[in-house]
Structure formats: structure tokens, C-alpha cells
Amino acid sequence: RGKIPLLLAVEAGNQSMCRELLAQQAPEQLRATTPAGDTALHLAARRRDVDMVRILVDYGASVDMQN
């Protein structure tokens, strides 16, 4: 359970890369977690990146997943 490209893109705040990755591989990447148990949505929320949160939710990120 290492970091996948989507998680790295979210951490970097790279919205265009996130869109591209999600368009190719959603929803599998949305369920991926870091070793600490964070999803891409958790990471975006922690960064307070509202636009990234919207992107992830638009692609189907679960707002109910807990860490």
C-alpha cells in the first residue's frame, strides 16, 4: 500500500494531473490509501484544497470513508 500517482498528485496540489489520472483509472485510485490510511480525499481535505475536493467528489470519491 504505497503511494500511487493520484495520491502524489493530490499532495502536490496538481489538479490537472488528478483529472487526467481519474479520467483514466477512476474509481480504483479513489479507494487507494497511504500507509497511514488516508485516501486522496483525506489528503485534499487536510490541505484545505476545496477545488481538489470537488474534483475528487465529482469523480466519485466516497465522503463516508474513514481513516
N, C-alpha and C. Protein backbone atom coordinates (compact mmCIF):
# COMPACT_ATOMS: atom_id res chain seq x y z
N ARG A 1 0.82 -1.19 0.00
CA ARG A 1 0.00 0.00 0.00
C ARG A 1 0.87 1.26 0.00
N GLY A 2 1.64 1.44 -1.05
CA GLY A 2 2.43 2.65 -1.17
C GLY A 2 1.63 3.74 -1.85
N LYS A 3 2.29 4.85 -2.06
CA LYS A 3 1.60 5.97 -2.69
C LYS A 3 1.51 5.75 -4.19
N ILE A 4 0.32 5.92 -4.70
CA ILE A 4 0.08 5.80 -6.13
C ILE A 4 0.10 7.20 -6.74
N PRO A 5 0.16 7.31 -8.06
CA PRO A 5 0.24 8.62 -8.70
C PRO A 5 -0.85 9.60 -8.26
N LEU A 6 -2.08 9.14 -8.09
CA LEU A 6 -3.15 10.06 -7.69
C LEU A 6 -2.84 10.68 -6.32
N LEU A 7 -2.41 9.87 -5.38
CA LEU A 7 -2.11 10.39 -4.05
C LEU A 7 -0.97 11.40 -4.10
N LEU A 8 0.02 11.13 -4.92
CA LEU A 8 1.13 12.08 -5.07
C LEU A 8 0.67 13.38 -5.71
N ALA A 9 -0.20 13.27 -6.71
CA ALA A 9 -0.71 14.47 -7.39
C ALA A 9 -1.55 15.32 -6.44
N VAL A 10 -2.36 14.68 -5.60
CA VAL A 10 -3.17 15.42 -4.63
C VAL A 10 -2.25 16.12 -3.63
N GLU A 11 -1.26 15.41 -3.12
CA GLU A 11 -0.33 16.02 -2.17
C GLU A 11 0.38 17.23 -2.77
N ALA A 12 0.65 17.17 -4.08
CA ALA A 12 1.33 18.28 -4.76
C ALA A 12 0.36 19.38 -5.17
N GLY A 13 -0.95 19.13 -5.04
CA GLY A 13 -1.94 20.13 -5.45
C GLY A 13 -2.07 20.26 -6.95
N ASN A 14 -1.71 19.22 -7.68
CA ASN A 14 -1.72 19.24 -9.14
C ASN A 14 -3.09 18.78 -9.67
N GLN A 15 -3.99 19.73 -9.84
CA GLN A 15 -5.36 19.42 -10.24
C GLN A 15 -5.46 18.84 -11.64
N SER A 16 -4.69 19.35 -12.57
CA SER A 16 -4.78 18.83 -13.94
C SER A 16 -4.32 17.38 -14.01
N MET A 17 -3.28 17.03 -13.27
CA MET A 17 -2.81 15.65 -13.24
C MET A 17 -3.85 14.75 -12.57
N CYS A 18 -4.48 15.24 -11.53
CA CYS A 18 -5.53 14.45 -10.86
C CYS A 18 -6.67 14.15 -11.83
N ARG A 19 -7.10 15.16 -12.56
CA ARG A 19 -8.18 14.94 -13.53
C ARG A 19 -7.78 13.90 -14.57
N GLU A 20 -6.56 14.01 -15.06
CA GLU A 20 -6.08 13.08 -16.08
C GLU A 20 -6.02 11.65 -15.53
N LEU A 21 -5.48 11.49 -14.35
CA LEU A 21 -5.39 10.16 -13.73
C LEU A 21 -6.77 9.57 -13.46
N LEU A 22 -7.67 10.40 -12.96
CA LEU A 22 -9.02 9.92 -12.65
C LEU A 22 -9.79 9.56 -13.91
N ALA A 23 -9.58 10.32 -14.97
CA ALA A 23 -10.27 10.02 -16.23
C ALA A 23 -9.83 8.66 -16.77
N GLN A 24 -8.60 8.28 -16.48
CA GLN A 24 -8.08 7.01 -16.98
C GLN A 24 -8.37 5.84 -16.06
N GLN A 25 -8.40 6.07 -14.74
CA GLN A 25 -8.43 4.95 -13.81
C GLN A 25 -9.43 5.06 -12.67
N ALA A 26 -10.35 5.98 -12.71
CA ALA A 26 -11.36 6.06 -11.64
C ALA A 26 -12.27 4.85 -11.75
N PRO A 27 -12.81 4.31 -10.70
CA PRO A 27 -12.70 4.74 -9.31
C PRO A 27 -11.64 3.98 -8.52
N GLU A 28 -10.87 3.11 -9.15
CA GLU A 28 -9.90 2.30 -8.40
C GLU A 28 -8.95 3.15 -7.56
N GLN A 29 -8.43 4.22 -8.14
CA GLN A 29 -7.48 5.04 -7.41
C GLN A 29 -8.12 5.79 -6.25
N LEU A 30 -9.42 6.03 -6.34
CA LEU A 30 -10.09 6.76 -5.27
C LEU A 30 -10.17 5.95 -3.98
N ARG A 31 -10.08 4.64 -4.10
CA ARG A 31 -10.14 3.77 -2.91
C ARG A 31 -8.75 3.49 -2.33
N ALA A 32 -7.71 3.87 -3.05
CA ALA A 32 -6.34 3.63 -2.58
C ALA A 32 -6.05 4.48 -1.36
N THR A 33 -5.19 3.96 -0.49
CA THR A 33 -4.81 4.69 0.71
C THR A 33 -3.30 4.74 0.86
N THR A 34 -2.86 5.72 1.61
CA THR A 34 -1.46 5.81 2.00
C THR A 34 -1.21 4.78 3.10
N PRO A 35 0.05 4.54 3.45
CA PRO A 35 0.31 3.63 4.57
C PRO A 35 -0.38 4.07 5.87
N ALA A 36 -0.65 5.36 6.00
CA ALA A 36 -1.34 5.88 7.19
C ALA A 36 -2.85 5.74 7.10
N GLY A 37 -3.36 5.26 5.95
CA GLY A 37 -4.80 5.06 5.79
C GLY A 37 -5.56 6.21 5.16
N ASP A 38 -4.85 7.21 4.66
CA ASP A 38 -5.51 8.37 4.03
C ASP A 38 -5.84 8.09 2.58
N THR A 39 -7.04 8.48 2.17
CA THR A 39 -7.42 8.44 0.76
C THR A 39 -7.03 9.78 0.12
N ALA A 40 -7.19 9.87 -1.18
CA ALA A 40 -6.93 11.13 -1.87
C ALA A 40 -7.82 12.24 -1.31
N LEU A 41 -9.06 11.90 -0.99
CA LEU A 41 -9.98 12.91 -0.44
C LEU A 41 -9.51 13.38 0.94
N HIS A 42 -9.03 12.47 1.77
CA HIS A 42 -8.48 12.86 3.07
C HIS A 42 -7.33 13.84 2.89
N LEU A 43 -6.44 13.52 1.95
CA LEU A 43 -5.27 14.38 1.72
C LEU A 43 -5.69 15.76 1.23
N ALA A 44 -6.64 15.81 0.31
CA ALA A 44 -7.10 17.10 -0.22
C ALA A 44 -7.77 17.92 0.88
N ALA A 45 -8.57 17.27 1.71
CA ALA A 45 -9.25 17.98 2.80
C ALA A 45 -8.23 18.51 3.80
N ARG A 46 -7.23 17.72 4.10
CA ARG A 46 -6.20 18.15 5.05
C ARG A 46 -5.45 19.37 4.51
N ARG A 47 -5.28 19.42 3.19
CA ARG A 47 -4.61 20.57 2.56
C ARG A 47 -5.55 21.78 2.45
N ARG A 48 -6.83 21.56 2.77
CA ARG A 48 -7.86 22.60 2.62
C ARG A 48 -7.98 23.05 1.17
N ASP A 49 -7.81 22.10 0.27
CA ASP A 49 -7.87 22.36 -1.16
C ASP A 49 -9.28 22.06 -1.65
N VAL A 50 -10.15 23.05 -1.55
CA VAL A 50 -11.56 22.88 -1.88
C VAL A 50 -11.76 22.46 -3.33
N ASP A 51 -11.00 23.03 -4.23
CA ASP A 51 -11.13 22.67 -5.64
C ASP A 51 -10.77 21.21 -5.87
N MET A 52 -9.71 20.74 -5.22
CA MET A 52 -9.31 19.34 -5.35
C MET A 52 -10.38 18.42 -4.76
N VAL A 53 -10.94 18.81 -3.63
CA VAL A 53 -12.02 18.02 -3.03
C VAL A 53 -13.17 17.89 -4.01
N ARG A 54 -13.54 18.99 -4.64
CA ARG A 54 -14.64 18.95 -5.62
C ARG A 54 -14.32 18.01 -6.78
N ILE A 55 -13.10 18.08 -7.27
CA ILE A 55 -12.70 17.19 -8.37
C ILE A 55 -12.86 15.74 -7.95
N LEU A 56 -12.34 15.40 -6.79
CA LEU A 56 -12.38 14.02 -6.32
C LEU A 56 -13.82 13.55 -6.11
N VAL A 57 -14.65 14.39 -5.52
CA VAL A 57 -16.06 14.02 -5.31
C VAL A 57 -16.78 13.88 -6.64
N ASP A 58 -16.49 14.77 -7.58
CA ASP A 58 -17.11 14.67 -8.91
C ASP A 58 -16.77 13.35 -9.60
N TYR A 59 -15.59 12.82 -9.32
CA TYR A 59 -15.18 11.54 -9.91
C TYR A 59 -15.61 10.35 -9.06
N GLY A 60 -16.32 10.61 -7.97
CA GLY A 60 -16.89 9.51 -7.20
C GLY A 60 -16.21 9.16 -5.90
N ALA A 61 -15.34 10.02 -5.39
CA ALA A 61 -14.71 9.75 -4.10
C ALA A 61 -15.77 9.63 -3.02
N SER A 62 -15.64 8.64 -2.17
CA SER A 62 -16.59 8.43 -1.09
C SER A 62 -16.33 9.43 0.04
N VAL A 63 -17.36 10.17 0.39
CA VAL A 63 -17.24 11.10 1.51
C VAL A 63 -17.46 10.39 2.84
N ASP A 64 -17.77 9.10 2.79
CA ASP A 64 -18.03 8.33 4.00
C ASP A 64 -16.85 7.48 4.46
N MET A 65 -15.79 7.39 3.66
CA MET A 65 -14.64 6.57 4.06
C MET A 65 -13.94 7.20 5.24
N GLN A 66 -13.65 6.37 6.22
CA GLN A 66 -12.95 6.84 7.41
C GLN A 66 -11.52 6.38 7.40
N ASN A 67 -10.69 7.15 8.07
CA ASN A 67 -9.30 6.77 8.22
C ASN A 67 -9.15 6.13 9.59
